[in-house]
């Protein structure tokens, strides 16, 4: 569709759940309250995950697919080495529960955007509003959400893991090649990718962040954390604190939009504060509003 029915559009954004294995794992963790290792073992038994699941669970497979999608969408070559990627191995049931409480689902997203003339490409776990269509894509299903200047927003949806869906896709490609050979045609729309658009470094990406940490339960802790964030142009949008145990408290906060490098620097300094026991999770947050 990107090369045919959407060819008249200037694609502004392509965002997708493009790995059925990881979506199956995250869906089961969310819907059944299970942990990563347990669901991964089940996915392997069912044939949804390889014996060595590294390509899937560490985000490599999604990064390969995003490089292709972004190259077609933005008509510019996107080398795989330029695609930032993280996997889902650090996602816990606790993070999923907090995300749900805050109104989000956690999905492994492949994100491609045009940002001020540069191409932004990244794959990582993401807190996504429950109201977004991609948040409802569960189990082994994949979906790609596209925004174009003429068509607006469209989504493509289908199964993304398992022997039959994979076999169907391969058989379809073979039949397409056979038809073209019989007709004496190539049946190909050649790549129109240029090399003129820069790739935005991950350090310059702007997004929001979810942070879960364990801190000392004493006065002044939040002020100390907020002070470090403020010095690096990061501000807190919302916060949740659970009841303290043994003198410590678990807090979760979500930031306003901030520059990645600023956030990394701030978190490094926060981790060294005497009142901070542990930074347990850092997950990016996206809304994909019309203004993004």
C-alpha atoms as a PDB file:
ATOM      1  CA  UNK A   1       0.000   0.000   0.000  1.00  0.00           C
ATOM      2  CA  UNK A   2       2.835   2.472   0.692  1.00  0.00           C
ATOM      3  CA  UNK A   3       4.011   2.115  -2.917  1.00  0.00           C
ATOM      4  CA  UNK A   4       0.569   1.923  -4.515  1.00  0.00           C
ATOM      5  CA  UNK A   5      -2.611   3.179  -2.827  1.00  0.00           C
ATOM      6  CA  UNK A   6      -0.716   5.697  -0.658  1.00  0.00           C
ATOM      7  CA  UNK A   7       1.707   6.784  -3.381  1.00  0.00           C
ATOM      8  CA  UNK A   8       0.057  10.212  -3.723  1.00  0.00           C
ATOM      9  CA  UNK A   9       0.692  11.005  -0.057  1.00  0.00           C
ATOM     10  CA  UNK A  10       3.578  12.622   1.719  1.00  0.00           C
ATOM     11  CA  UNK A  11       3.937  10.181   4.605  1.00  0.00           C
ATOM     12  CA  UNK A  12       4.447  11.989   7.889  1.00  0.00           C
ATOM     13  CA  UNK A  13       4.512   9.059  10.262  1.00  0.00           C
ATOM     14  CA  UNK A  14       4.586   5.267  10.168  1.00  0.00           C
ATOM     15  CA  UNK A  15       4.216   3.479  13.498  1.00  0.00           C
ATOM     16  CA  UNK A  16       3.708  -0.210  13.948  1.00  0.00           C
ATOM     17  CA  UNK A  17       3.563  -3.362  15.976  1.00  0.00           C
ATOM     18  CA  UNK A  18       5.624  -5.383  13.520  1.00  0.00           C
ATOM     19  CA  UNK A  19       6.711  -8.411  15.554  1.00  0.00           C
ATOM     20  CA  UNK A  20       4.024 -10.926  16.471  1.00  0.00           C
ATOM     21  CA  UNK A  21       6.170 -12.778  19.005  1.00  0.00           C
ATOM     22  CA  UNK A  22       6.784  -9.782  21.247  1.00  0.00           C
ATOM     23  CA  UNK A  23       3.196  -8.624  20.918  1.00  0.00           C
ATOM     24  CA  UNK A  24       2.000 -12.067  22.018  1.00  0.00           C
ATOM     25  CA  UNK A  25       4.285 -11.933  25.062  1.00  0.00           C
ATOM     26  CA  UNK A  26       3.271  -8.414  26.108  1.00  0.00           C
ATOM     27  CA  UNK A  27      -0.427  -9.185  25.551  1.00  0.00           C
ATOM     28  CA  UNK A  28      -0.294 -12.283  27.751  1.00  0.00           C
ATOM     29  CA  UNK A  29       1.636 -10.421  30.436  1.00  0.00           C
ATOM     30  CA  UNK A  30      -1.005  -7.678  30.429  1.00  0.00           C
ATOM     31  CA  UNK A  31      -4.134  -9.812  30.189  1.00  0.00           C
ATOM     32  CA  UNK A  32      -3.104 -12.742  32.399  1.00  0.00           C
ATOM     33  CA  UNK A  33      -0.738 -11.085  34.873  1.00  0.00           C
ATOM     34  CA  UNK A  34       2.226 -13.284  33.939  1.00  0.00           C
ATOM     35  CA  UNK A  35       5.952 -12.567  33.780  1.00  0.00           C
ATOM     36  CA  UNK A  36       8.143 -12.366  30.673  1.00  0.00           C
ATOM     37  CA  UNK A  37      10.061 -15.653  31.032  1.00  0.00           C
ATOM     38  CA  UNK A  38       6.885 -17.686  31.563  1.00  0.00           C
ATOM     39  CA  UNK A  39       5.126 -16.326  28.469  1.00  0.00           C
ATOM     40  CA  UNK A  40       8.271 -16.603  26.332  1.00  0.00           C
ATOM     41  CA  UNK A  41       8.487 -20.327  27.132  1.00  0.00           C
ATOM     42  CA  UNK A  42       4.837 -20.722  26.120  1.00  0.00           C
ATOM     43  CA  UNK A  43       5.419 -18.820  22.864  1.00  0.00           C
ATOM     44  CA  UNK A  44       8.289 -21.170  22.039  1.00  0.00           C
ATOM     45  CA  UNK A  45       6.111 -24.242  22.711  1.00  0.00           C
ATOM     46  CA  UNK A  46       3.420 -22.855  20.406  1.00  0.00           C
ATOM     47  CA  UNK A  47       5.875 -22.065  17.615  1.00  0.00           C
ATOM     48  CA  UNK A  48       5.479 -18.291  17.892  1.00  0.00           C
ATOM     49  CA  UNK A  49       9.070 -17.812  19.102  1.00  0.00           C
ATOM     50  CA  UNK A  50      12.307 -19.366  17.851  1.00  0.00           C
ATOM     51  CA  UNK A  51      14.447 -21.579  20.120  1.00  0.00           C
ATOM     52  CA  UNK A  52      16.835 -18.602  20.160  1.00  0.00           C
ATOM     53  CA  UNK A  53      14.388 -15.675  20.462  1.00  0.00           C
ATOM     54  CA  UNK A  54      17.033 -12.920  20.484  1.00  0.00           C
ATOM     55  CA  UNK A  55      16.064 -11.339  17.150  1.00  0.00           C
ATOM     56  CA  UNK A  56      12.479 -10.977  18.333  1.00  0.00           C
ATOM     57  CA  UNK A  57      12.735 -10.082  22.017  1.00  0.00           C
ATOM     58  CA  UNK A  58      15.701  -7.703  21.635  1.00  0.00           C
ATOM     59  CA  UNK A  59      14.023  -5.729  18.846  1.00  0.00           C
ATOM     60  CA  UNK A  60      16.319  -6.682  15.945  1.00  0.00           C
ATOM     61  CA  UNK A  61      13.524  -8.091  13.763  1.00  0.00           C
ATOM     62  CA  UNK A  62      11.376  -4.992  14.277  1.00  0.00           C
ATOM     63  CA  UNK A  63      14.352  -2.750  13.475  1.00  0.00           C
ATOM     64  CA  UNK A  64      14.948  -4.534  10.146  1.00  0.00           C
ATOM     65  CA  UNK A  65      11.302  -4.078   9.221  1.00  0.00           C
ATOM     66  CA  UNK A  66      11.288  -0.421  10.261  1.00  0.00           C
ATOM     67  CA  UNK A  67      14.337   0.297   8.085  1.00  0.00           C
ATOM     68  CA  UNK A  68      12.374  -0.992   5.078  1.00  0.00           C
ATOM     69  CA  UNK A  69       9.117   0.756   6.017  1.00  0.00           C
ATOM     70  CA  UNK A  70      10.844   4.075   6.663  1.00  0.00           C
ATOM     71  CA  UNK A  71      12.860   3.898   3.428  1.00  0.00           C
ATOM     72  CA  UNK A  72       9.659   3.428   1.426  1.00  0.00           C
ATOM     73  CA  UNK A  73       7.570   5.895   3.445  1.00  0.00           C
ATOM     74  CA  UNK A  74      10.054   8.754   3.405  1.00  0.00           C
ATOM     75  CA  UNK A  75      11.639   7.914   0.018  1.00  0.00           C
ATOM     76  CA  UNK A  76      15.084   7.951   1.539  1.00  0.00           C
ATOM     77  CA  UNK A  77      17.526   5.167   2.312  1.00  0.00           C
ATOM     78  CA  UNK A  78      17.453   4.270   6.019  1.00  0.00           C
ATOM     79  CA  UNK A  79      20.406   2.006   6.931  1.00  0.00           C
ATOM     80  CA  UNK A  80      19.666  -0.595   9.587  1.00  0.00           C
ATOM     81  CA  UNK A  81      22.599   0.737  11.624  1.00  0.00           C
ATOM     82  CA  UNK A  82      20.746   4.044  12.032  1.00  0.00           C
ATOM     83  CA  UNK A  83      17.675   2.441  13.645  1.00  0.00           C
ATOM     84  CA  UNK A  84      17.811   2.656  17.443  1.00  0.00           C
ATOM     85  CA  UNK A  85      16.380  -0.452  19.093  1.00  0.00           C
ATOM     86  CA  UNK A  86      15.580  -1.875  22.516  1.00  0.00           C
ATOM     87  CA  UNK A  87      13.806  -5.125  23.339  1.00  0.00           C
ATOM     88  CA  UNK A  88      11.182  -6.177  25.876  1.00  0.00           C
ATOM     89  CA  UNK A  89      13.280  -8.336  28.209  1.00  0.00           C
ATOM     90  CA  UNK A  90      13.267  -5.707  30.974  1.00  0.00           C
ATOM     91  CA  UNK A  91       9.487  -5.180  30.955  1.00  0.00           C
ATOM     92  CA  UNK A  92       7.857  -6.507  34.123  1.00  0.00           C
ATOM     93  CA  UNK A  93       4.310  -7.262  35.170  1.00  0.00           C
ATOM     94  CA  UNK A  94       4.627  -4.388  37.639  1.00  0.00           C
ATOM     95  CA  UNK A  95       5.313  -1.886  34.849  1.00  0.00           C
ATOM     96  CA  UNK A  96       2.334  -3.175  32.893  1.00  0.00           C
ATOM     97  CA  UNK A  97       0.096  -2.755  35.958  1.00  0.00           C
ATOM     98  CA  UNK A  98       1.307   0.798  36.545  1.00  0.00           C
ATOM     99  CA  UNK A  99       0.859   1.619  32.854  1.00  0.00           C
ATOM    100  CA  UNK A 100      -2.738   0.389  32.965  1.00  0.00           C
ATOM    101  CA  UNK A 101      -3.389   2.458  36.091  1.00  0.00           C
ATOM    102  CA  UNK A 102      -2.104   5.529  34.239  1.00  0.00           C
ATOM    103  CA  UNK A 103      -4.243   4.791  31.154  1.00  0.00           C
ATOM    104  CA  UNK A 104      -1.604   3.179  28.933  1.00  0.00           C
ATOM    105  CA  UNK A 105      -0.691  -0.139  27.324  1.00  0.00           C
ATOM    106  CA  UNK A 106       2.921  -1.206  26.783  1.00  0.00           C
ATOM    107  CA  UNK A 107       3.756  -2.224  23.216  1.00  0.00           C
ATOM    108  CA  UNK A 108       6.997  -2.782  21.316  1.00  0.00           C
ATOM    109  CA  UNK A 109       6.639  -0.089  18.665  1.00  0.00           C
ATOM    110  CA  UNK A 110       8.563   0.581  15.479  1.00  0.00           C
ATOM    111  CA  UNK A 111       8.378   4.359  15.096  1.00  0.00           C
ATOM    112  CA  UNK A 112       9.217   6.328  11.951  1.00  0.00           C
ATOM    113  CA  UNK A 113       8.595  10.075  11.738  1.00  0.00           C
ATOM    114  CA  UNK A 114       9.634  13.082   9.727  1.00  0.00           C
ATOM    115  CA  UNK A 115      10.884  15.607  12.298  1.00  0.00           C
ATOM    116  CA  UNK A 116      11.949  19.040  11.024  1.00  0.00           C
ATOM    117  CA  UNK A 117      13.265  17.579   7.781  1.00  0.00           C
ATOM    118  CA  UNK A 118      15.077  14.667   9.459  1.00  0.00           C
ATOM    119  CA  UNK A 119      14.019  11.022   9.672  1.00  0.00           C
ATOM    120  CA  UNK A 120      13.391   9.671  13.166  1.00  0.00           C
ATOM    121  CA  UNK A 121      13.566   5.863  13.420  1.00  0.00           C
ATOM    122  CA  UNK A 122      13.459   3.898  16.656  1.00  0.00           C
ATOM    123  CA  UNK A 123      12.190   0.608  18.096  1.00  0.00           C
ATOM    124  CA  UNK A 124      11.512   0.256  21.810  1.00  0.00           C
ATOM    125  CA  UNK A 125       8.843  -0.598  24.392  1.00  0.00           C
ATOM    126  CA  UNK A 126       6.392   2.286  24.566  1.00  0.00           C
ATOM    127  CA  UNK A 127       3.567   3.409  26.821  1.00  0.00           C
ATOM    128  CA  UNK A 128       0.698   4.041  24.421  1.00  0.00           C
ATOM    129  CA  UNK A 129      -2.696   5.528  25.411  1.00  0.00           C
ATOM    130  CA  UNK A 130      -5.376   2.846  25.723  1.00  0.00           C
ATOM    131  CA  UNK A 131      -7.519   4.944  23.373  1.00  0.00           C
ATOM    132  CA  UNK A 132      -5.054   4.557  20.484  1.00  0.00           C
ATOM    133  CA  UNK A 133      -5.979   1.883  17.878  1.00  0.00           C
ATOM    134  CA  UNK A 134      -2.596   0.165  18.252  1.00  0.00           C
ATOM    135  CA  UNK A 135      -3.231  -0.392  21.963  1.00  0.00           C
ATOM    136  CA  UNK A 136      -6.016  -2.841  21.028  1.00  0.00           C
ATOM    137  CA  UNK A 137      -3.775  -4.989  18.813  1.00  0.00           C
ATOM    138  CA  UNK A 138      -3.151  -8.150  20.844  1.00  0.00           C
ATOM    139  CA  UNK A 139      -1.674 -11.651  20.718  1.00  0.00           C
ATOM    140  CA  UNK A 140       0.252 -12.490  17.508  1.00  0.00           C
ATOM    141  CA  UNK A 141      -1.390  -9.748  15.457  1.00  0.00           C
ATOM    142  CA  UNK A 142       0.601  -6.957  13.834  1.00  0.00           C
ATOM    143  CA  UNK A 143      -0.587  -3.534  12.738  1.00  0.00           C
ATOM    144  CA  UNK A 144       0.918  -0.544  10.959  1.00  0.00           C
ATOM    145  CA  UNK A 145      -0.525   2.910  11.582  1.00  0.00           C
ATOM    146  CA  UNK A 146       0.231   5.441   8.840  1.00  0.00           C
ATOM    147  CA  UNK A 147      -0.401   9.157   8.654  1.00  0.00           C
ATOM    148  CA  UNK A 148      -0.307  10.858   5.245  1.00  0.00           C
ATOM    149  CA  UNK A 149      -0.989  14.439   4.260  1.00  0.00           C
ATOM    150  CA  UNK A 150      -3.893  13.482   1.979  1.00  0.00           C
ATOM    151  CA  UNK A 151      -5.340  10.255   3.382  1.00  0.00           C
ATOM    152  CA  UNK A 152      -5.034  11.201   7.052  1.00  0.00           C
ATOM    153  CA  UNK A 153      -4.695   8.183   9.348  1.00  0.00           C
ATOM    154  CA  UNK A 154      -5.044   4.564   8.184  1.00  0.00           C
ATOM    155  CA  UNK A 155      -4.140   1.249   9.809  1.00  0.00           C
ATOM    156  CA  UNK A 156      -3.250  -2.148   8.313  1.00  0.00           C
ATOM    157  CA  UNK A 157      -3.807  -5.208  10.505  1.00  0.00           C
ATOM    158  CA  UNK A 158      -3.134  -8.955  10.397  1.00  0.00           C
ATOM    159  CA  UNK A 159      -1.463 -11.978  11.991  1.00  0.00           C
ATOM    160  CA  UNK A 160       2.287 -11.645  12.424  1.00  0.00           C
ATOM    161  CA  UNK A 161       3.595 -14.916  13.899  1.00  0.00           C
ATOM    162  CA  UNK A 162       3.107 -18.646  13.569  1.00  0.00           C
ATOM    163  CA  UNK A 163       3.737 -21.190  10.795  1.00  0.00           C
ATOM    164  CA  UNK A 164       0.545 -20.566   8.792  1.00  0.00           C
ATOM    165  CA  UNK A 165       0.748 -16.737   8.556  1.00  0.00           C
ATOM    166  CA  UNK A 166       4.470 -16.960   7.737  1.00  0.00           C
ATOM    167  CA  UNK A 167       3.899 -19.724   5.206  1.00  0.00           C
ATOM    168  CA  UNK A 168       1.052 -17.769   3.616  1.00  0.00           C
ATOM    169  CA  UNK A 169       3.277 -14.724   3.114  1.00  0.00           C
ATOM    170  CA  UNK A 170       6.102 -16.789   1.607  1.00  0.00           C
ATOM    171  CA  UNK A 171       3.721 -18.695  -0.686  1.00  0.00           C
ATOM    172  CA  UNK A 172       2.187 -15.404  -1.809  1.00  0.00           C
ATOM    173  CA  UNK A 173       5.605 -14.055  -2.794  1.00  0.00           C
ATOM    174  CA  UNK A 174       6.436 -17.247  -4.713  1.00  0.00           C
ATOM    175  CA  UNK A 175       3.114 -17.128  -6.584  1.00  0.00           C
ATOM    176  CA  UNK A 176       3.673 -13.460  -7.404  1.00  0.00           C
ATOM    177  CA  UNK A 177       7.093 -14.262  -8.875  1.00  0.00           C
ATOM    178  CA  UNK A 178       5.641 -17.191 -10.861  1.00  0.00           C
ATOM    179  CA  UNK A 179       2.877 -15.020 -12.343  1.00  0.00           C
ATOM    180  CA  UNK A 180       5.393 -12.377 -13.368  1.00  0.00           C
ATOM    181  CA  UNK A 181       7.667 -14.953 -15.013  1.00  0.00           C
ATOM    182  CA  UNK A 182       4.717 -16.374 -16.948  1.00  0.00           C
ATOM    183  CA  UNK A 183       3.660 -12.883 -18.049  1.00  0.00           C
ATOM    184  CA  UNK A 184       7.202 -11.859 -18.938  1.00  0.00           C
ATOM    185  CA  UNK A 185       7.063  -8.948 -16.482  1.00  0.00           C
ATOM    186  CA  UNK A 186       8.987  -7.963 -13.379  1.00  0.00           C
ATOM    187  CA  UNK A 187       5.947  -6.800 -11.412  1.00  0.00           C
ATOM    188  CA  UNK A 188       8.243  -4.604  -9.363  1.00  0.00           C
ATOM    189  CA  UNK A 189       8.021  -0.962  -8.403  1.00  0.00           C
ATOM    190  CA  UNK A 190      11.658   0.001  -8.056  1.00  0.00           C
ATOM    191  CA  UNK A 191      12.935   1.817  -5.010  1.00  0.00           C
ATOM    192  CA  UNK A 192      12.819   5.594  -5.328  1.00  0.00           C
ATOM    193  CA  UNK A 193      14.900   6.091  -2.183  1.00  0.00           C
ATOM    194  CA  UNK A 194      17.159   9.125  -2.092  1.00  0.00           C
ATOM    195  CA  UNK A 195      20.013   9.977   0.225  1.00  0.00           C
ATOM    196  CA  UNK A 196      19.292  13.629   0.959  1.00  0.00           C
ATOM    197  CA  UNK A 197      17.409  13.432   4.274  1.00  0.00           C
ATOM    198  CA  UNK A 198      19.457  13.158   7.486  1.00  0.00           C
ATOM    199  CA  UNK A 199      18.692  10.597  10.186  1.00  0.00           C
ATOM    200  CA  UNK A 200      17.907  12.217  13.538  1.00  0.00           C
ATOM    201  CA  UNK A 201      20.316  10.896  16.212  1.00  0.00           C
ATOM    202  CA  UNK A 202      18.542   9.175  19.099  1.00  0.00           C
ATOM    203  CA  UNK A 203      20.123  11.642  21.526  1.00  0.00           C
ATOM    204  CA  UNK A 204      18.138  14.465  19.886  1.00  0.00           C
ATOM    205  CA  UNK A 205      14.759  12.720  19.874  1.00  0.00           C
ATOM    206  CA  UNK A 206      12.034  14.402  21.921  1.00  0.00           C
ATOM    207  CA  UNK A 207       9.537  12.204  23.754  1.00  0.00           C
ATOM    208  CA  UNK A 208       7.994  11.631  27.177  1.00  0.00           C
ATOM    209  CA  UNK A 209       9.199   9.138  29.772  1.00  0.00           C
ATOM    210  CA  UNK A 210       7.816   6.777  32.402  1.00  0.00           C
ATOM    211  CA  UNK A 211      10.207   6.151  35.294  1.00  0.00           C
ATOM    212  CA  UNK A 212       9.769   3.711  38.187  1.00  0.00           C
ATOM    213  CA  UNK A 213      12.179   3.926  41.111  1.00  0.00           C
ATOM    214  CA  UNK A 214      12.710   2.958  44.728  1.00  0.00           C
ATOM    215  CA  UNK A 215      13.608   5.833  47.056  1.00  0.00           C
ATOM    216  CA  UNK A 216      14.027   6.534  50.752  1.00  0.00           C
ATOM    217  CA  UNK A 217      10.713   7.451  52.367  1.00  0.00           C
ATOM    218  CA  UNK A 218      11.715  10.782  53.873  1.00  0.00           C
ATOM    219  CA  UNK A 219      11.031  14.505  53.326  1.00  0.00           C
ATOM    220  CA  UNK A 220      12.871  16.250  50.501  1.00  0.00           C
ATOM    221  CA  UNK A 221      13.257  13.250  48.194  1.00  0.00           C
ATOM    222  CA  UNK A 222      10.883  14.492  45.502  1.00  0.00           C
ATOM    223  CA  UNK A 223      12.362  17.975  45.686  1.00  0.00           C
ATOM    224  CA  UNK A 224      15.858  16.568  45.121  1.00  0.00           C
ATOM    225  CA  UNK A 225      14.715  14.559  42.096  1.00  0.00           C
ATOM    226  CA  UNK A 226      12.704  17.443  40.635  1.00  0.00           C
ATOM    227  CA  UNK A 227      15.683  19.745  41.121  1.00  0.00           C
ATOM    228  CA  UNK A 228      17.957  17.557  39.003  1.00  0.00           C
ATOM    229  CA  UNK A 229      15.294  17.202  36.323  1.00  0.00           C
ATOM    230  CA  UNK A 230      14.702  20.954  36.227  1.00  0.00           C
ATOM    231  CA  UNK A 231      18.402  21.625  35.700  1.00  0.00           C
ATOM    232  CA  UNK A 232      18.183  19.534  32.518  1.00  0.00           C
ATOM    233  CA  UNK A 233      14.903  20.939  31.144  1.00  0.00           C
ATOM    234  CA  UNK A 234      12.835  17.924  32.184  1.00  0.00           C
ATOM    235  CA  UNK A 235       9.563  18.395  34.069  1.00  0.00           C
ATOM    236  CA  UNK A 236       7.198  15.922  35.734  1.00  0.00           C
ATOM    237  CA  UNK A 237       3.642  15.695  34.369  1.00  0.00           C
ATOM    238  CA  UNK A 238       2.228  13.159  36.853  1.00  0.00           C
ATOM    239  CA  UNK A 239       3.344  10.972  39.742  1.00  0.00           C
ATOM    240  CA  UNK A 240       2.146   7.907  41.655  1.00  0.00           C
ATOM    241  CA  UNK A 241       3.535   6.821  45.028  1.00  0.00           C
ATOM    242  CA  UNK A 242       2.687   3.543  46.712  1.00  0.00           C
ATOM    243  CA  UNK A 243       2.688   2.863  50.449  1.00  0.00           C
ATOM    244  CA  UNK A 244       6.184   2.675  51.910  1.00  0.00           C
ATOM    245  CA  UNK A 245       7.762  -0.547  53.170  1.00  0.00           C
ATOM    246  CA  UNK A 246      10.820  -0.832  55.430  1.00  0.00           C
ATOM    247  CA  UNK A 247      11.592   2.845  55.080  1.00  0.00           C
ATOM    248  CA  UNK A 248      11.509   2.860  51.269  1.00  0.00           C
ATOM    249  CA  UNK A 249       8.835   3.954  48.803  1.00  0.00           C
ATOM    250  CA  UNK A 250       8.220   3.098  45.163  1.00  0.00           C
ATOM    251  CA  UNK A 251       7.380   6.082  42.993  1.00  0.00           C
ATOM    252  CA  UNK A 252       6.380   6.289  39.361  1.00  0.00           C
ATOM    253  CA  UNK A 253       6.471   9.500  37.390  1.00  0.00           C
ATOM    254  CA  UNK A 254       5.762  10.497  33.816  1.00  0.00           C
ATOM    255  CA  UNK A 255       7.501  13.483  32.285  1.00  0.00           C
ATOM    256  CA  UNK A 256       6.491  16.110  29.810  1.00  0.00           C
ATOM    257  CA  UNK A 257       8.273  15.907  26.460  1.00  0.00           C
ATOM    258  CA  UNK A 258      12.052  16.156  26.823  1.00  0.00           C
ATOM    259  CA  UNK A 259      15.220  15.651  24.791  1.00  0.00           C
ATOM    260  CA  UNK A 260      16.648  12.129  25.104  1.00  0.00           C
ATOM    261  CA  UNK A 261      20.176  13.260  25.970  1.00  0.00           C
ATOM    262  CA  UNK A 262      18.884  15.580  28.695  1.00  0.00           C
ATOM    263  CA  UNK A 263      16.856  12.747  30.184  1.00  0.00           C
ATOM    264  CA  UNK A 264      19.789  10.325  30.128  1.00  0.00           C
ATOM    265  CA  UNK A 265      22.046  12.839  31.874  1.00  0.00           C
ATOM    266  CA  UNK A 266      19.408  13.643  34.494  1.00  0.00           C
ATOM    267  CA  UNK A 267      18.752   9.969  35.250  1.00  0.00           C
ATOM    268  CA  UNK A 268      22.458   9.287  35.639  1.00  0.00           C
ATOM    269  CA  UNK A 269      22.707  12.066  38.235  1.00  0.00           C
ATOM    270  CA  UNK A 270      19.485  11.008  39.975  1.00  0.00           C
ATOM    271  CA  UNK A 271      20.758   7.435  40.307  1.00  0.00           C
ATOM    272  CA  UNK A 272      23.679   8.802  42.353  1.00  0.00           C
ATOM    273  CA  UNK A 273      21.523  10.680  44.858  1.00  0.00           C
ATOM    274  CA  UNK A 274      21.865   9.151  48.366  1.00  0.00           C
ATOM    275  CA  UNK A 275      18.066   8.925  48.697  1.00  0.00           C
ATOM    276  CA  UNK A 276      17.625   6.894  45.484  1.00  0.00           C
ATOM    277  CA  UNK A 277      17.870   3.148  46.048  1.00  0.00           C
ATOM    278  CA  UNK A 278      17.235   2.001  42.486  1.00  0.00           C
ATOM    279  CA  UNK A 279      15.917   3.172  39.117  1.00  0.00           C
ATOM    280  CA  UNK A 280      13.867   0.112  38.184  1.00  0.00           C
ATOM    281  CA  UNK A 281      12.412   1.046  34.789  1.00  0.00           C
ATOM    282  CA  UNK A 282      12.607   3.752  32.152  1.00  0.00           C
ATOM    283  CA  UNK A 283      10.112   3.452  29.280  1.00  0.00           C
ATOM    284  CA  UNK A 284       9.296   6.041  26.632  1.00  0.00           C
ATOM    285  CA  UNK A 285       5.755   7.385  26.295  1.00  0.00           C
ATOM    286  CA  UNK A 286       4.038   8.353  23.023  1.00  0.00           C
ATOM    287  CA  UNK A 287       0.606   9.725  22.202  1.00  0.00           C
ATOM    288  CA  UNK A 288       0.955  10.179  18.404  1.00  0.00           C
ATOM    289  CA  UNK A 289      -1.311  13.212  18.418  1.00  0.00           C
ATOM    290  CA  UNK A 290      -1.905  15.177  15.229  1.00  0.00           C
ATOM    291  CA  UNK A 291       0.721  17.662  16.361  1.00  0.00           C
ATOM    292  CA  UNK A 292       3.491  15.039  16.672  1.00  0.00           C
END
